[in-house]
PDB file of all heavy atoms in Angstrom:
ATOM      1  N   SER A   1      96.802  85.906 100.862  1.00  0.00           N
ATOM      2  CA  SER A   1      95.587  85.508 101.543  1.00  0.00           C
ATOM      3  C   SER A   1      95.562  86.060 102.983  1.00  0.00           C
ATOM      4  O   SER A   1      94.543  86.582 103.428  1.00  0.00           O
ATOM      5  CB  SER A   1      95.483  83.980 101.568  1.00  0.00           C
ATOM      6  OG  SER A   1      94.407  83.559 102.338  1.00  0.00           O
ATOM      7  N   LYS A   2      96.705  85.982 103.655  1.00  0.00           N
ATOM      8  CA  LYS A   2      96.778  86.540 105.004  1.00  0.00           C
ATOM      9  C   LYS A   2      96.563  88.051 104.974  1.00  0.00           C
ATOM     10  O   LYS A   2      95.910  88.614 105.842  1.00  0.00           O
ATOM     11  CB  LYS A   2      98.130  86.201 105.651  1.00  0.00           C
ATOM     12  CG  LYS A   2      98.251  84.783 106.134  1.00  0.00           C
ATOM     13  CD  LYS A   2      99.584  84.548 106.781  1.00  0.00           C
ATOM     14  CE  LYS A   2      99.727  83.095 107.228  1.00  0.00           C
ATOM     15  NZ  LYS A   2     101.047  82.819 107.784  1.00  0.00           N
ATOM     16  N   GLY A   3      97.166  88.694 103.968  1.00  0.00           N
ATOM     17  CA  GLY A   3      97.007  90.149 103.838  1.00  0.00           C
ATOM     18  C   GLY A   3      95.562  90.538 103.628  1.00  0.00           C
ATOM     19  O   GLY A   3      95.050  91.502 104.223  1.00  0.00           O
ATOM     20  N   VAL A   4      94.859  89.780 102.785  1.00  0.00           N
ATOM     21  CA  VAL A   4      93.440  90.061 102.525  1.00  0.00           C
ATOM     22  C   VAL A   4      92.623  89.871 103.805  1.00  0.00           C
ATOM     23  O   VAL A   4      91.770  90.699 104.144  1.00  0.00           O
ATOM     24  CB  VAL A   4      92.904  89.122 101.383  1.00  0.00           C
ATOM     25  CG1 VAL A   4      91.393  89.180 101.319  1.00  0.00           C
ATOM     26  CG2 VAL A   4      93.508  89.560 100.049  1.00  0.00           C
ATOM     27  N   LYS A   5      92.926  88.781 104.530  1.00  0.00           N
ATOM     28  CA  LYS A   5      92.185  88.550 105.781  1.00  0.00           C
ATOM     29  C   LYS A   5      92.461  89.644 106.810  1.00  0.00           C
ATOM     30  O   LYS A   5      91.557  90.123 107.501  1.00  0.00           O
ATOM     31  CB  LYS A   5      92.578  87.180 106.387  1.00  0.00           C
ATOM     32  CG  LYS A   5      92.031  86.001 105.642  1.00  0.00           C
ATOM     33  CD  LYS A   5      92.492  84.700 106.217  1.00  0.00           C
ATOM     34  CE  LYS A   5      92.018  83.536 105.390  1.00  0.00           C
ATOM     35  NZ  LYS A   5      92.574  82.268 105.843  1.00  0.00           N
ATOM     36  N   THR A   6      93.722  90.073 106.895  1.00  0.00           N
ATOM     37  CA  THR A   6      94.083  91.144 107.848  1.00  0.00           C
ATOM     38  C   THR A   6      93.369  92.450 107.469  1.00  0.00           C
ATOM     39  O   THR A   6      92.814  93.156 108.341  1.00  0.00           O
ATOM     40  CB  THR A   6      95.606  91.357 107.853  1.00  0.00           C
ATOM     41  OG1 THR A   6      96.222  90.126 108.232  1.00  0.00           O
ATOM     42  CG2 THR A   6      96.021  92.450 108.808  1.00  0.00           C
ATOM     43  N   ASN A   7      93.399  92.773 106.187  1.00  0.00           N
ATOM     44  CA  ASN A   7      92.714  94.002 105.713  1.00  0.00           C
ATOM     45  C   ASN A   7      91.189  93.946 105.966  1.00  0.00           C
ATOM     46  O   ASN A   7      90.610  94.932 106.404  1.00  0.00           O
ATOM     47  CB  ASN A   7      92.963  94.247 104.241  1.00  0.00           C
ATOM     48  CG  ASN A   7      94.413  94.679 103.993  1.00  0.00           C
ATOM     49  OD1 ASN A   7      95.109  95.088 104.908  1.00  0.00           O
ATOM     50  ND2 ASN A   7      94.831  94.604 102.729  1.00  0.00           N
ATOM     51  N   LYS A   8      90.602  92.776 105.707  1.00  0.00           N
ATOM     52  CA  LYS A   8      89.180  92.603 105.922  1.00  0.00           C
ATOM     53  C   LYS A   8      88.842  92.779 107.409  1.00  0.00           C
ATOM     54  O   LYS A   8      87.864  93.447 107.774  1.00  0.00           O
ATOM     55  CB  LYS A   8      88.686  91.241 105.404  1.00  0.00           C
ATOM     56  CG  LYS A   8      87.189  91.077 105.519  1.00  0.00           C
ATOM     57  CD  LYS A   8      86.757  89.717 105.040  1.00  0.00           C
ATOM     58  CE  LYS A   8      85.272  89.498 105.115  1.00  0.00           C
ATOM     59  NZ  LYS A   8      84.591  90.011 106.251  1.00  0.00           N
ATOM     60  N   ALA A   9      89.649  92.166 108.281  1.00  0.00           N
ATOM     61  CA  ALA A   9      89.410  92.263 109.721  1.00  0.00           C
ATOM     62  C   ALA A   9      89.518  93.708 110.189  1.00  0.00           C
ATOM     63  O   ALA A   9      88.687  94.183 110.985  1.00  0.00           O
ATOM     64  CB  ALA A   9      90.396  91.372 110.477  1.00  0.00           C
ATOM     65  N   ALA A  10      90.506  94.440 109.676  1.00  0.00           N
ATOM     66  CA  ALA A  10      90.667  95.848 110.034  1.00  0.00           C
ATOM     67  C   ALA A  10      89.474  96.679 109.551  1.00  0.00           C
ATOM     68  O   ALA A  10      88.980  97.549 110.273  1.00  0.00           O
ATOM     69  CB  ALA A  10      91.980  96.394 109.498  1.00  0.00           C
ATOM     70  N   ALA A  11      89.028  96.401 108.328  1.00  0.00           N
ATOM     71  CA  ALA A  11      87.894  97.121 107.764  1.00  0.00           C
ATOM     72  C   ALA A  11      86.616  96.812 108.540  1.00  0.00           C
ATOM     73  O   ALA A  11      85.805  97.715 108.806  1.00  0.00           O
ATOM     74  CB  ALA A  11      87.708  96.774 106.296  1.00  0.00           C
ATOM     75  N   ASP A  12      86.429  95.553 108.926  1.00  0.00           N
ATOM     76  CA  ASP A  12      85.264  95.167 109.706  1.00  0.00           C
ATOM     77  C   ASP A  12      85.277  95.851 111.080  1.00  0.00           C
ATOM     78  O   ASP A  12      84.234  96.338 111.543  1.00  0.00           O
ATOM     79  CB  ASP A  12      85.190  93.644 109.886  1.00  0.00           C
ATOM     80  CG  ASP A  12      84.842  92.904 108.627  1.00  0.00           C
ATOM     81  OD1 ASP A  12      84.309  93.533 107.692  1.00  0.00           O
ATOM     82  OD2 ASP A  12      85.066  91.669 108.585  1.00  0.00           O
ATOM     83  N   LYS A  13      86.421  95.920 111.692  1.00  0.00           N
ATOM     84  CA  LYS A  13      86.583  96.565 112.991  1.00  0.00           C
ATOM     85  C   LYS A  13      86.263  98.063 112.894  1.00  0.00           C
ATOM     86  O   LYS A  13      85.558  98.626 113.739  1.00  0.00           O
ATOM     87  CB  LYS A  13      87.975  96.350 113.548  1.00  0.00           C
ATOM     88  CG  LYS A  13      88.202  96.908 114.911  1.00  0.00           C
ATOM     89  CD  LYS A  13      89.598  96.590 115.421  1.00  0.00           C
ATOM     90  CE  LYS A  13      89.779  97.206 116.816  1.00  0.00           C
ATOM     91  NZ  LYS A  13      91.125  96.974 117.297  1.00  0.00           N
ATOM     92  N   PHE A  14      86.817  98.687 111.825  1.00  0.00           N
ATOM     93  CA  PHE A  14      86.562 100.123 111.632  1.00  0.00           C
ATOM     94  C   PHE A  14      85.047 100.370 111.427  1.00  0.00           C
ATOM     95  O   PHE A  14      84.470 101.279 111.996  1.00  0.00           O
ATOM     96  CB  PHE A  14      87.371 100.656 110.472  1.00  0.00           C
ATOM     97  CG  PHE A  14      87.128 102.114 110.203  1.00  0.00           C
ATOM     98  CD1 PHE A  14      87.769 103.081 110.992  1.00  0.00           C
ATOM     99  CD2 PHE A  14      86.278 102.548 109.205  1.00  0.00           C
ATOM    100  CE1 PHE A  14      87.538 104.439 110.776  1.00  0.00           C
ATOM    101  CE2 PHE A  14      86.037 103.899 108.976  1.00  0.00           C
ATOM    102  CZ  PHE A  14      86.668 104.819 109.793  1.00  0.00           C
ATOM    103  N   ALA A  15      84.460  99.538 110.551  1.00  0.00           N
ATOM    104  CA  ALA A  15      83.009  99.686 110.286  1.00  0.00           C
ATOM    105  C   ALA A  15      82.192  99.514 111.547  1.00  0.00           C
ATOM    106  O   ALA A  15      81.242 100.289 111.772  1.00  0.00           O
ATOM    107  CB  ALA A  15      82.568  98.661 109.227  1.00  0.00           C
ATOM    108  N   ALA A  16      82.557  98.556 112.406  1.00  0.00           N
ATOM    109  CA  ALA A  16      81.833  98.345 113.642  1.00  0.00           C
ATOM    110  C   ALA A  16      81.950  99.559 114.570  1.00  0.00           C
ATOM    111  O   ALA A  16      81.008  99.864 115.299  1.00  0.00           O
ATOM    112  CB  ALA A  16      82.374  97.100 114.338  1.00  0.00           C
ATOM    113  N   ASN A  17      83.064 100.284 114.501  1.00  0.00           N
ATOM    114  CA  ASN A  17      83.259 101.457 115.349  1.00  0.00           C
ATOM    115  C   ASN A  17      82.450 102.660 114.866  1.00  0.00           C
ATOM    116  O   ASN A  17      81.978 103.465 115.702  1.00  0.00           O
ATOM    117  CB  ASN A  17      84.734 101.840 115.426  1.00  0.00           C
ATOM    118  CG  ASN A  17      85.519 100.887 116.284  1.00  0.00           C
ATOM    119  OD1 ASN A  17      84.991 100.231 117.150  1.00  0.00           O
ATOM    120  ND2 ASN A  17      86.836 100.798 116.033  1.00  0.00           N
ATOM    121  N   VAL A  18      82.317 102.868 113.545  1.00  0.00           N
ATOM    122  CA  VAL A  18      81.613 104.048 113.043  1.00  0.00           C
ATOM    123  C   VAL A  18      80.125 103.770 112.750  1.00  0.00           C
ATOM    124  O   VAL A  18      79.354 104.717 112.634  1.00  0.00           O
ATOM    125  CB  VAL A  18      82.298 104.648 111.782  1.00  0.00           C
ATOM    126  CG1 VAL A  18      83.679 105.180 112.131  1.00  0.00           C
ATOM    127  CG2 VAL A  18      82.316 103.646 110.633  1.00  0.00           C
ATOM    128  N   LEU A  19      79.750 102.527 112.643  1.00  0.00           N
ATOM    129  CA  LEU A  19      78.347 102.197 112.363  1.00  0.00           C
ATOM    130  C   LEU A  19      77.360 102.767 113.386  1.00  0.00           C
ATOM    131  O   LEU A  19      76.300 103.257 112.990  1.00  0.00           O
ATOM    132  CB  LEU A  19      78.157 100.678 112.210  1.00  0.00           C
ATOM    133  CG  LEU A  19      76.795 100.243 111.665  1.00  0.00           C
ATOM    134  CD1 LEU A  19      76.572 100.842 110.264  1.00  0.00           C
ATOM    135  CD2 LEU A  19      76.688  98.736 111.618  1.00  0.00           C
ATOM    136  N   PRO A  20      77.680 102.752 114.680  1.00  0.00           N
ATOM    137  CA  PRO A  20      76.759 103.320 115.669  1.00  0.00           C
ATOM    138  C   PRO A  20      76.513 104.831 115.425  1.00  0.00           C
ATOM    139  O   PRO A  20      75.503 105.357 115.894  1.00  0.00           O
ATOM    140  CB  PRO A  20      77.437 103.061 117.004  1.00  0.00           C
ATOM    141  CG  PRO A  20      78.305 101.896 116.782  1.00  0.00           C
ATOM    142  CD  PRO A  20      78.771 102.031 115.362  1.00  0.00           C
ATOM    143  N   ILE A  21      77.414 105.495 114.746  1.00  0.00           N
ATOM    144  CA  ILE A  21      77.237 106.921 114.446  1.00  0.00           C
ATOM    145  C   ILE A  21      76.430 107.050 113.159  1.00  0.00           C
ATOM    146  O   ILE A  21      75.539 107.892 113.048  1.00  0.00           O
ATOM    147  CB  ILE A  21      78.604 107.612 114.297  1.00  0.00           C
ATOM    148  CG1 ILE A  21      79.418 107.480 115.563  1.00  0.00           C
ATOM    149  CG2 ILE A  21      78.454 109.059 113.897  1.00  0.00           C
ATOM    150  CD1 ILE A  21      80.875 107.859 115.411  1.00  0.00           C
ATOM    151  N   ILE A  22      76.736 106.211 112.159  1.00  0.00           N
ATOM    152  CA  ILE A  22      76.100 106.317 110.835  1.00  0.00           C
ATOM    153  C   ILE A  22      74.659 105.787 110.855  1.00  0.00           C
ATOM    154  O   ILE A  22      73.773 106.423 110.274  1.00  0.00           O
ATOM    155  CB  ILE A  22      76.962 105.554 109.798  1.00  0.00           C
ATOM    156  CG1 ILE A  22      78.305 106.259 109.626  1.00  0.00           C
ATOM    157  CG2 ILE A  22      76.226 105.449 108.446  1.00  0.00           C
ATOM    158  CD1 ILE A  22      79.275 105.488 108.744  1.00  0.00           C
ATOM    159  N   ALA A  23      74.408 104.643 111.477  1.00  0.00           N
ATOM    160  CA  ALA A  23      73.112 103.974 111.406  1.00  0.00           C
ATOM    161  C   ALA A  23      71.950 104.863 111.879  1.00  0.00           C
ATOM    162  O   ALA A  23      70.920 104.924 111.179  1.00  0.00           O
ATOM    163  CB  ALA A  23      73.146 102.671 112.193  1.00  0.00           C
ATOM    164  N   PRO A  24      72.053 105.598 113.026  1.00  0.00           N
ATOM    165  CA  PRO A  24      70.923 106.416 113.437  1.00  0.00           C
ATOM    166  C   PRO A  24      70.638 107.539 112.442  1.00  0.00           C
ATOM    167  O   PRO A  24      69.467 107.898 112.206  1.00  0.00           O
ATOM    168  CB  PRO A  24      71.370 106.986 114.798  1.00  0.00           C
ATOM    169  CG  PRO A  24      72.440 106.097 115.277  1.00  0.00           C
ATOM    170  CD  PRO A  24      73.088 105.546 114.063  1.00  0.00           C
ATOM    171  N   MET A  25      71.710 108.139 111.854  1.00  0.00           N
ATOM    172  CA  MET A  25      71.506 109.204 110.885  1.00  0.00           C
ATOM    173  C   MET A  25      70.772 108.661 109.659  1.00  0.00           C
ATOM    174  O   MET A  25      69.857 109.317 109.128  1.00  0.00           O
ATOM    175  CB  MET A  25      72.844 109.835 110.477  1.00  0.00           C
ATOM    176  CG  MET A  25      73.465 110.702 111.550  1.00  0.00           C
ATOM    177  SD  MET A  25      74.901 111.649 110.944  1.00  0.00           S
ATOM    178  CE  MET A  25      76.228 110.509 111.232  1.00  0.00           C
ATOM    179  N   ARG A  26      71.156 107.487 109.232  1.00  0.00           N
ATOM    180  CA  ARG A  26      70.524 106.896 108.056  1.00  0.00           C
ATOM    181  C   ARG A  26      69.082 106.540 108.365  1.00  0.00           C
ATOM    182  O   ARG A  26      68.178 106.704 107.533  1.00  0.00           O
ATOM    183  CB  ARG A  26      71.315 105.637 107.609  1.00  0.00           C
ATOM    184  CG  ARG A  26      70.856 105.041 106.312  1.00  0.00           C
ATOM    185  CD  ARG A  26      71.104 105.989 105.163  1.00  0.00           C
ATOM    186  NE  ARG A  26      70.802 105.303 103.913  1.00  0.00           N
ATOM    187  CZ  ARG A  26      70.625 105.891 102.767  1.00  0.00           C
ATOM    188  NH1 ARG A  26      70.731 107.227 102.712  1.00  0.00           N
ATOM    189  NH2 ARG A  26      70.350 105.231 101.679  1.00  0.00           N
ATOM    190  N   ALA A  27      68.836 106.032 109.591  1.00  0.00           N
ATOM    191  CA  ALA A  27      67.476 105.670 110.023  1.00  0.00           C
ATOM    192  C   ALA A  27      66.552 106.905 110.067  1.00  0.00           C
ATOM    193  O   ALA A  27      65.340 106.826 109.808  1.00  0.00           O
ATOM    194  CB  ALA A  27      67.484 105.001 111.391  1.00  0.00           C
ATOM    195  N   ASP A  28      67.173 108.081 110.319  1.00  0.00           N
ATOM    196  CA  ASP A  28      66.398 109.335 110.343  1.00  0.00           C
ATOM    197  C   ASP A  28      66.173 109.896 108.935  1.00  0.00           C
ATOM    198  O   ASP A  28      65.621 110.983 108.781  1.00  0.00           O
ATOM    199  CB  ASP A  28      67.104 110.381 111.202  1.00  0.00           C
ATOM    200  CG  ASP A  28      67.008 110.065 112.696  1.00  0.00           C
ATOM    201  OD1 ASP A  28      66.122 109.247 113.077  1.00  0.00           O
ATOM    202  OD2 ASP A  28      67.812 110.603 113.457  1.00  0.00           O
ATOM    203  N   GLY A  29      66.682 109.190 107.898  1.00  0.00           N
ATOM    204  CA  GLY A  29      66.475 109.609 106.522  1.00  0.00           C
ATOM    205  C   GLY A  29      67.549 110.474 105.921  1.00  0.00           C
ATOM    206  O   GLY A  29      67.390 110.998 104.828  1.00  0.00           O
ATOM    207  N   ALA A  30      68.679 110.615 106.601  1.00  0.00           N
ATOM    208  CA  ALA A  30      69.773 111.427 106.058  1.00  0.00           C
ATOM    209  C   ALA A  30      70.355 110.737 104.824  1.00  0.00           C
ATOM    210  O   ALA A  30      70.519 109.510 104.763  1.00  0.00           O
ATOM    211  CB  ALA A  30      70.857 111.635 107.131  1.00  0.00           C
ATOM    212  N   SER A  31      70.711 111.530 103.832  1.00  0.00           N
ATOM    213  CA  SER A  31      71.338 110.996 102.626  1.00  0.00           C
ATOM    214  C   SER A  31      72.786 110.594 102.944  1.00  0.00           C
ATOM    215  O   SER A  31      73.376 111.024 103.950  1.00  0.00           O
ATOM    216  CB  SER A  31      71.317 112.039 101.515  1.00  0.00           C
ATOM    217  OG  SER A  31      72.207 113.089 101.816  1.00  0.00           O
ATOM    218  N   LEU A  32      73.350 109.798 102.064  1.00  0.00           N
ATOM    219  CA  LEU A  32      74.756 109.405 102.242  1.00  0.00           C
ATOM    220  C   LEU A  32      75.657 110.619 102.252  1.00  0.00           C
ATOM    221  O   LEU A  32      76.624 110.677 103.035  1.00  0.00           O
ATOM    222  CB  LEU A  32      75.169 108.424 101.137  1.00  0.00           C
ATOM    223  CG  LEU A  32      74.396 107.092 101.051  1.00  0.00           C
ATOM    224  CD1 LEU A  32      74.835 106.297  99.833  1.00  0.00           C
ATOM    225  CD2 LEU A  32      74.567 106.292 102.333  1.00  0.00           C
ATOM    226  N   ARG A  33      75.376 111.593 101.432  1.00  0.00           N
ATOM    227  CA  ARG A  33      76.183 112.826 101.358  1.00  0.00           C
ATOM    228  C   ARG A  33      76.127 113.601 102.681  1.00  0.00           C
ATOM    229  O   ARG A  33      77.105 114.088 103.173  1.00  0.00           O
ATOM    230  CB  ARG A  33      75.681 113.679 100.179  1.00  0.00           C
ATOM    231  CG  ARG A  33      76.368 115.005 100.008  1.00  0.00           C
ATOM    232  CD  ARG A  33      77.766 114.888  99.433  1.00  0.00           C
ATOM    233  NE  ARG A  33      78.719 115.204 100.465  1.00  0.00           N
ATOM    234  CZ  ARG A  33      79.963 114.825 100.500  1.00  0.00           C
ATOM    235  NH1 ARG A  33      80.464 114.057  99.583  1.00  0.00           N
ATOM    236  NH2 ARG A  33      80.776 115.184 101.474  1.00  0.00           N
ATOM    237  N   LYS A  34      74.861 113.700 103.259  1.00  0.00           N
ATOM    238  CA  LYS A  34      74.702 114.422 104.526  1.00  0.00           C
ATOM    239  C   LYS A  34      75.438 113.696 105.638  1.00  0.00           C
ATOM    240  O   LYS A  34      76.042 114.328 106.536  1.00  0.00           O
ATOM    241  CB  LYS A  34      73.216 114.568 104.857  1.00  0.00           C
ATOM    242  CG  LYS A  34      72.553 115.678 104.108  1.00  0.00           C
ATOM    243  CD  LYS A  34      71.239 116.024 104.789  1.00  0.00           C
ATOM    244  CE  LYS A  34      70.661 117.183 104.034  1.00  0.00           C
ATOM    245  NZ  LYS A  34      70.065 118.147 104.863  1.00  0.00           N
ATOM    246  N   ILE A  35      75.403 112.380 105.638  1.00  0.00           N
ATOM    247  CA  ILE A  35      76.122 111.595 106.654  1.00  0.00           C
ATOM    248  C   ILE A  35      77.621 111.836 106.536  1.00  0.00           C
ATOM    249  O   ILE A  35      78.307 112.064 107.536  1.00  0.00           O
ATOM    250  CB  ILE A  35      75.759 110.114 106.559  1.00  0.00           C
ATOM    251  CG1 ILE A  35      74.295 109.866 106.860  1.00  0.00           C
ATOM    252  CG2 ILE A  35      76.649 109.286 107.514  1.00  0.00           C
ATOM    253  CD1 ILE A  35      73.798 108.453 106.603  1.00  0.00           C
ATOM    254  N   ALA A  36      78.114 111.840 105.300  1.00  0.00           N
ATOM    255  CA  ALA A  36      79.548 112.100 105.071  1.00  0.00           C
ATOM    256  C   ALA A  36      79.930 113.455 105.569  1.00  0.00           C
ATOM    257  O   ALA A  36      80.949 113.643 106.250  1.00  0.00           O
ATOM    258  CB  ALA A  36      79.879 111.940 103.593  1.00  0.00           C
ATOM    259  N   ASP A  37      79.100 114.472 105.291  1.00  0.00           N
ATOM    260  CA  ASP A  37      79.370 115.833 105.755  1.00  0.00           C
ATOM    261  C   ASP A  37      79.360 115.919 107.272  1.00  0.00           C
ATOM    262  O   ASP A  37      80.199 116.602 107.869  1.00  0.00           O
ATOM    263  CB  ASP A  37      78.332 116.802 105.189  1.00  0.00           C
ATOM    264  CG  ASP A  37      78.477 117.029 103.675  1.00  0.00           C
ATOM    265  OD1 ASP A  37      79.570 116.709 103.119  1.00  0.00           O
ATOM    266  OD2 ASP A  37      77.494 117.493 103.032  1.00  0.00           O
ATOM    267  N   ALA A  38      78.422 115.194 107.915  1.00  0.00           N
ATOM    268  CA  ALA A  38      78.358 115.189 109.366  1.00  0.00           C
ATOM    269  C   ALA A  38      79.619 114.559 109.987  1.00  0.00           C
ATOM    270  O   ALA A  38      80.171 115.053 110.982  1.00  0.00           O
ATOM    271  CB  ALA A  38      77.080 114.459 109.852  1.00  0.00           C
ATOM    272  N   LEU A  39      80.059 113.453 109.384  1.00  0.00           N
ATOM    273  CA  LEU A  39      81.277 112.797 109.893  1.00  0.00           C
ATOM    274  C   LEU A  39      82.510 113.715 109.715  1.00  0.00           C
ATOM    275  O   LEU A  39      83.343 113.788 110.623  1.00  0.00           O
ATOM    276  CB  LEU A  39      81.509 111.461 109.147  1.00  0.00           C
ATOM    277  CG  LEU A  39      80.492 110.356 109.414  1.00  0.00           C
ATOM    278  CD1 LEU A  39      80.685 109.188 108.463  1.00  0.00           C
ATOM    279  CD2 LEU A  39      80.617 109.882 110.863  1.00  0.00           C
ATOM    280  N   ASN A  40      82.572 114.402 108.606  1.00  0.00           N
ATOM    281  CA  ASN A  40      83.670 115.336 108.362  1.00  0.00           C
ATOM    282  C   ASN A  40      83.602 116.509 109.345  1.00  0.00           C
ATOM    283  O   ASN A  40      84.619 116.983 109.859  1.00  0.00           O
ATOM    284  CB  ASN A  40      83.669 115.825 106.911  1.00  0.00           C
ATOM    285  CG  ASN A  40      84.100 114.750 105.948  1.00  0.00           C
ATOM    286  OD1 ASN A  40      84.915 113.860 106.284  1.00  0.00           O
ATOM    287  ND2 ASN A  40      83.550 114.792 104.760  1.00  0.00           N
ATOM    288  N   ALA A  41      82.365 116.978 109.636  1.00  0.00           N
ATOM    289  CA  ALA A  41      82.186 118.093 110.593  1.00  0.00           C
ATOM    290  C   ALA A  41      82.627 117.693 111.992  1.00  0.00           C
ATOM    291  O   ALA A  41      83.189 118.492 112.751  1.00  0.00           O
ATOM    292  CB  ALA A  41      80.739 118.553 110.586  1.00  0.00           C
ATOM    293  N   ARG A  42      82.416 116.441 112.345  1.00  0.00           N
ATOM    294  CA  ARG A  42      82.835 115.916 113.641  1.00  0.00           C
ATOM    295  C   ARG A  42      84.325 115.544 113.671  1.00  0.00           C
ATOM    296  O   ARG A  42      84.828 115.087 114.690  1.00  0.00           O
ATOM    297  CB  ARG A  42      82.022 114.671 114.008  1.00  0.00           C
ATOM    298  CG  ARG A  42      80.595 114.912 114.329  1.00  0.00           C
ATOM    299  CD  ARG A  42      79.973 113.598 114.741  1.00  0.00           C
ATOM    300  NE  ARG A  42      78.578 113.738 115.010  1.00  0.00           N
ATOM    301  CZ  ARG A  42      77.816 112.725 115.465  1.00  0.00           C
ATOM    302  NH1 ARG A  42      78.340 111.536 115.659  1.00  0.00           N
ATOM    303  NH2 ARG A  42      76.532 112.918 115.689  1.00  0.00           N
ATOM    304  N   ARG A  43      84.993 115.709 112.532  1.00  0.00           N
ATOM    305  CA  ARG A  43      86.411 115.404 112.408  1.00  0.00           C
ATOM    306  C   ARG A  43      86.725 113.921 112.653  1.00  0.00           C
ATOM    307  O   ARG A  43      87.716 113.566 113.260  1.00  0.00           O
ATOM    308  CB  ARG A  43      87.290 116.277 113.279  1.00  0.00           C
ATOM    309  CG  ARG A  43      87.188 117.751 112.939  1.00  0.00           C
ATOM    310  CD  ARG A  43      88.214 118.536 113.727  1.00  0.00           C
ATOM    311  NE  ARG A  43      88.006 119.963 113.586  1.00  0.00           N
ATOM    312  CZ  ARG A  43      88.415 120.709 112.592  1.00  0.00           C
ATOM    313  NH1 ARG A  43      89.088 120.177 111.617  1.00  0.00           N
ATOM    314  NH2 ARG A  43      88.191 122.003 112.583  1.00  0.00           N
ATOM    315  N   ILE A  44      85.797 113.098 112.211  1.00  0.00           N
ATOM    316  CA  ILE A  44      86.035 111.633 112.314  1.00  0.00           C
ATOM    317  C   ILE A  44      86.672 111.216 110.991  1.00  0.00           C
ATOM    318  O   ILE A  44      86.048 111.322 109.916  1.00  0.00           O
ATOM    319  CB  ILE A  44      84.664 110.882 112.507  1.00  0.00           C
ATOM    320  CG1 ILE A  44      84.029 111.321 113.810  1.00  0.00           C
ATOM    321  CG2 ILE A  44      84.880 109.370 112.463  1.00  0.00           C
ATOM    322  CD1 ILE A  44      82.601 110.801 114.010  1.00  0.00           C
TER     323      ILE A  44
END
């Protein structure tokens, strides 16, 4: 249970860090694949 909570907290923290990059691209209509390619191009 502690492991699950720790993993969830780490995943939530990571998502909070990358969401400001992903959300505007998605709002502009970029596909999930294009967003993934952009993140890879930025070496994130």
